[in-house]
Amino acid sequence: MAAIYSLYIINKSGGLIFYKDYGSTGRMDTNDSLRVASLWHSMHAISQQLSPVPGCAGIELLQADTFDLHCFQSLTGTKFFVVSEPGTQHMEGLLKHIYELYTDYVLKNPFYEMEMPIRCELFDINQTQAIQKDRVALLAR
């Protein structure tokens, strides 16, 4: 079974700009993935406002019985999150690496328009390779 089920990237307005499913079962349709992204953006924003800790950056990990949701928010407000098997560790490093790939292949692409869906083949290839490498590393642990 795969450790990582899916990857989402949400722009600062809460719009889904990238979604990739890695699980073999329970694939979501486009509307469901848009709902998940919108719901996560809202929950993240509410948690920042309601937190008793000053300067809280929002929810970084949501643990459920059947999955974990790990989130990384960039300084620009773009959110990267993965849905993974329960108990999956070291996702923060993977999310930061995917952010680096995003800055290298998407933001530096002269044809990419900010806040729009990501259609960049090099980013897609490299992030898929990063996920595959992480799966191999998780199996070795």
Protein backbone atom coordinates (compact mmCIF):
# COMPACT_ATOMS: atom_id res chain seq x y z
CA MET A 1 0.00 0.00 0.00
CA ALA A 2 1.25 3.49 -0.83
CA ALA A 3 2.21 5.82 2.00
CA ILE A 4 1.07 8.95 0.17
CA TYR A 5 -2.46 9.07 -1.22
CA SER A 6 -2.59 12.53 -2.82
CA LEU A 7 -0.94 15.94 -3.15
CA TYR A 8 -2.77 19.28 -3.24
CA ILE A 9 -1.53 22.81 -3.86
CA ILE A 10 -3.86 25.68 -2.96
CA ASN A 11 -3.27 29.33 -3.86
CA LYS A 12 -3.55 32.09 -1.27
CA SER A 13 -7.20 32.67 -2.22
CA GLY A 14 -8.12 29.05 -1.52
CA GLY A 15 -8.32 27.90 -5.13
CA LEU A 16 -7.02 24.47 -6.05
CA ILE A 17 -4.16 24.95 -8.51
CA PHE A 18 -2.72 21.41 -8.47
CA TYR A 19 -4.01 17.97 -7.51
CA LYS A 20 -2.37 14.59 -8.03
CA ASP A 21 -3.76 11.28 -6.81
CA TYR A 22 -1.26 8.50 -5.96
CA GLY A 23 -3.63 5.98 -4.37
CA SER A 24 -4.96 3.04 -6.33
CA THR A 25 -8.33 2.92 -4.55
CA GLY A 26 -10.87 5.56 -3.63
CA ARG A 27 -9.97 8.10 -6.30
CA MET A 28 -11.84 11.37 -5.99
CA ASP A 29 -13.51 13.15 -8.86
CA THR A 30 -12.72 16.78 -9.65
CA ASN A 31 -15.59 18.21 -7.58
CA ASP A 32 -14.54 16.25 -4.49
CA SER A 33 -10.94 17.41 -4.76
CA LEU A 34 -12.13 21.02 -5.10
CA ARG A 35 -14.29 20.57 -1.98
CA VAL A 36 -11.38 19.12 0.02
CA ALA A 37 -9.10 22.01 -1.00
CA SER A 38 -11.73 24.63 -0.16
CA LEU A 39 -12.56 23.00 3.17
CA TRP A 40 -8.88 22.76 4.13
CA HIS A 41 -8.25 26.40 3.22
CA SER A 42 -11.18 27.48 5.41
CA MET A 43 -10.18 25.26 8.35
CA HIS A 44 -6.60 26.50 8.11
CA ALA A 45 -7.69 30.16 8.14
CA ILE A 46 -10.11 29.65 11.05
CA SER A 47 -7.46 27.83 13.09
CA GLN A 48 -5.08 30.77 12.66
CA GLN A 49 -7.71 33.18 13.99
CA LEU A 50 -8.92 31.02 16.89
CA SER A 51 -5.54 29.84 18.14
CA PRO A 52 -4.66 30.99 21.67
CA VAL A 53 -0.99 30.99 20.63
CA PRO A 54 0.13 34.34 19.17
CA GLY A 55 1.52 34.07 15.63
CA CYS A 56 0.04 30.62 14.98
CA ALA A 57 0.55 29.54 11.36
CA GLY A 58 -2.51 27.28 11.26
CA ILE A 59 -2.97 23.52 11.22
CA GLU A 60 0.13 21.60 10.14
CA LEU A 61 -1.11 18.06 10.83
CA LEU A 62 -4.59 16.59 10.91
CA GLN A 63 -4.75 13.00 12.12
CA ALA A 64 -7.75 10.77 11.48
CA ASP A 65 -8.35 7.03 11.80
CA THR A 66 -7.80 6.34 8.10
CA PHE A 67 -5.41 9.12 6.98
CA ASP A 68 -3.07 11.93 8.04
CA LEU A 69 -3.07 15.33 6.35
CA HIS A 70 0.27 17.17 6.48
CA CYS A 71 0.38 20.85 5.45
CA PHE A 72 3.12 23.35 4.62
CA GLN A 73 2.29 27.00 3.99
CA SER A 74 4.77 29.19 2.12
CA LEU A 75 5.40 32.82 3.02
CA THR A 76 3.21 33.87 0.09
CA GLY A 77 0.22 31.92 1.47
CA THR A 78 0.36 29.03 -0.99
CA LYS A 79 -0.47 25.78 0.83
CA PHE A 80 1.00 22.39 -0.02
CA PHE A 81 -0.58 19.36 1.61
CA VAL A 82 -0.41 15.61 1.30
CA VAL A 83 -2.91 13.03 2.42
CA SER A 84 -1.05 9.94 3.64
CA GLU A 85 -1.41 6.73 5.60
CA PRO A 86 -1.92 7.19 9.34
CA GLY A 87 1.36 7.54 11.21
CA THR A 88 3.44 8.54 8.18
CA GLN A 89 6.45 10.52 9.40
CA HIS A 90 8.83 13.09 7.86
CA MET A 91 6.31 14.69 5.50
CA GLU A 92 7.50 18.22 6.32
CA GLY A 93 10.74 17.61 4.44
CA LEU A 94 8.87 16.22 1.43
CA LEU A 95 6.50 19.20 1.36
CA LYS A 96 9.41 21.65 1.52
CA HIS A 97 11.09 19.79 -1.34
CA ILE A 98 7.89 20.00 -3.41
CA TYR A 99 7.79 23.73 -2.63
CA GLU A 100 11.35 24.05 -3.96
CA LEU A 101 10.29 22.22 -7.13
CA TYR A 102 7.32 24.59 -7.39
CA THR A 103 9.58 27.64 -7.18
CA ASP A 104 12.07 26.17 -9.67
CA TYR A 105 9.71 24.82 -12.32
CA VAL A 106 6.47 26.74 -11.94
CA LEU A 107 7.28 30.23 -10.67
CA LYS A 108 10.29 30.57 -12.97
CA ASN A 109 8.25 29.48 -15.98
CA PRO A 110 7.61 32.61 -18.09
CA PHE A 111 4.29 31.18 -19.34
CA TYR A 112 2.82 30.51 -15.89
CA GLU A 113 0.29 33.02 -14.59
CA MET A 114 0.15 33.42 -10.81
CA GLU A 115 -2.80 31.87 -8.98
CA MET A 116 -3.77 29.80 -12.05
CA PRO A 117 -3.81 25.98 -12.31
CA ILE A 118 -0.35 24.48 -12.75
CA ARG A 119 0.27 23.00 -16.20
CA CYS A 120 4.01 22.43 -16.16
CA GLU A 121 5.37 19.10 -17.35
CA LEU A 122 8.77 19.47 -15.65
CA PHE A 123 7.12 20.18 -12.29
CA ASP A 124 4.82 17.19 -12.70
CA ILE A 125 7.69 14.84 -13.57
CA ASN A 126 9.94 16.04 -10.76
CA GLN A 127 7.29 16.05 -8.02
CA THR A 128 6.23 12.53 -9.05
CA GLN A 129 9.86 11.42 -8.77
CA ALA A 130 10.12 13.08 -5.33
CA ILE A 131 6.99 11.23 -4.14
CA GLN A 132 8.35 7.92 -5.49
CA LYS A 133 11.71 8.46 -3.78
CA ASP A 134 9.93 9.26 -0.54
CA ARG A 135 7.86 6.07 -0.80
CA VAL A 136 11.05 4.03 -1.20
CA ALA A 137 12.61 5.81 1.79
CA LEU A 138 9.49 5.15 3.89
CA LEU A 139 9.58 1.45 3.04
CA ALA A 140 13.24 1.28 4.09
CA ARG A 141 12.49 2.77 7.53
